[in-house]
């Protein structure tokens, strides 16, 4: 994972924890598809992907149940409880 993306992911992880959310930061050295499949298998309801769009301030939020994907400004992440 790129150092900038990892730093942003850690910042978002800490912010979500401080807001009372359960969160998991998958910083393993594995391909994204492997990580996505594992997240689905353990039933994580929302996945936040920190990827190439981070350079523009965007992250991708994917809802597991509907498979709906939305690009959101990183600072505007709002995960329902």
Protein backbone atom coordinates (compact mmCIF):
# COMPACT_ATOMS: atom_id res chain seq x y z
CA UNK A 1 0.00 0.00 0.00
CA UNK A 2 1.26 3.49 -0.82
CA UNK A 3 2.43 5.39 2.29
CA UNK A 4 0.02 8.30 1.63
CA UNK A 5 -2.94 5.95 1.27
CA UNK A 6 -1.99 4.02 4.38
CA UNK A 7 -1.68 7.25 6.40
CA UNK A 8 -5.11 8.40 5.15
CA UNK A 9 -6.64 4.99 5.93
CA UNK A 10 -5.20 5.06 9.45
CA UNK A 11 -6.53 8.58 10.00
CA UNK A 12 -10.01 7.53 8.86
CA UNK A 13 -9.82 4.37 10.98
CA UNK A 14 -8.99 6.39 14.11
CA UNK A 15 -11.76 8.89 13.32
CA UNK A 16 -14.35 6.12 12.94
CA UNK A 17 -13.25 4.50 16.21
CA UNK A 18 -13.48 7.85 18.02
CA UNK A 19 -17.05 8.21 16.71
CA UNK A 20 -17.98 4.89 18.30
CA UNK A 21 -17.92 2.71 15.18
CA UNK A 22 -16.44 -0.75 15.03
CA UNK A 23 -13.77 -0.58 12.34
CA UNK A 24 -11.19 -2.85 10.79
CA UNK A 25 -8.09 -1.58 9.00
CA UNK A 26 -6.85 -4.20 6.56
CA UNK A 27 -3.25 -3.20 5.95
CA UNK A 28 -2.06 -6.64 4.89
CA UNK A 29 0.27 -6.96 1.94
CA UNK A 30 -2.35 -8.62 -0.27
CA UNK A 31 -4.19 -7.78 -3.46
CA UNK A 32 -7.36 -5.68 -3.08
CA UNK A 33 -9.58 -8.52 -4.36
CA UNK A 34 -8.38 -10.81 -1.59
CA UNK A 35 -9.10 -8.15 1.02
CA UNK A 36 -12.55 -7.39 -0.45
CA UNK A 37 -13.51 -11.06 -0.45
CA UNK A 38 -12.38 -11.47 3.17
CA UNK A 39 -14.41 -8.40 4.20
CA UNK A 40 -17.48 -9.91 2.53
CA UNK A 41 -16.92 -13.29 4.18
CA UNK A 42 -16.81 -11.83 7.69
CA UNK A 43 -19.83 -9.65 6.98
CA UNK A 44 -18.44 -6.13 7.15
CA UNK A 45 -21.42 -3.94 6.15
CA UNK A 46 -19.45 -1.00 4.68
CA UNK A 47 -16.07 -1.01 3.01
CA UNK A 48 -14.08 2.18 2.48
CA UNK A 49 -11.53 1.88 -0.29
CA UNK A 50 -8.64 4.31 -0.18
CA UNK A 51 -7.20 4.24 -3.69
CA UNK A 52 -5.99 6.39 -6.56
CA UNK A 53 -8.74 8.98 -6.10
CA UNK A 54 -7.27 9.92 -2.72
CA UNK A 55 -4.98 12.37 -4.56
CA UNK A 56 -8.16 14.33 -5.30
CA UNK A 57 -9.54 13.83 -1.76
CA UNK A 58 -12.03 11.05 -2.62
CA UNK A 59 -12.56 7.54 -1.25
CA UNK A 60 -14.98 4.83 -2.35
CA UNK A 61 -17.66 3.61 0.07
CA UNK A 62 -19.25 0.27 -0.79
CA UNK A 63 -22.32 -1.07 0.99
CA UNK A 64 -22.06 -4.87 1.16
CA UNK A 65 -25.78 -5.62 1.09
CA UNK A 66 -26.69 -3.55 -1.99
CA UNK A 67 -23.20 -3.53 -3.57
CA UNK A 68 -23.77 0.19 -4.13
CA UNK A 69 -20.53 2.08 -4.59
CA UNK A 70 -20.26 5.83 -3.96
CA UNK A 71 -17.29 8.16 -4.22
CA UNK A 72 -17.23 10.47 -1.21
CA UNK A 73 -14.85 13.24 -0.10
CA UNK A 74 -12.67 11.67 2.59
CA UNK A 75 -13.62 14.30 5.17
CA UNK A 76 -17.36 13.70 4.58
CA UNK A 77 -17.51 9.99 5.45
CA UNK A 78 -20.75 9.32 7.28
CA UNK A 79 -21.35 5.68 8.18
CA UNK A 80 -24.76 4.82 9.67
CA UNK A 81 -24.85 2.86 12.90
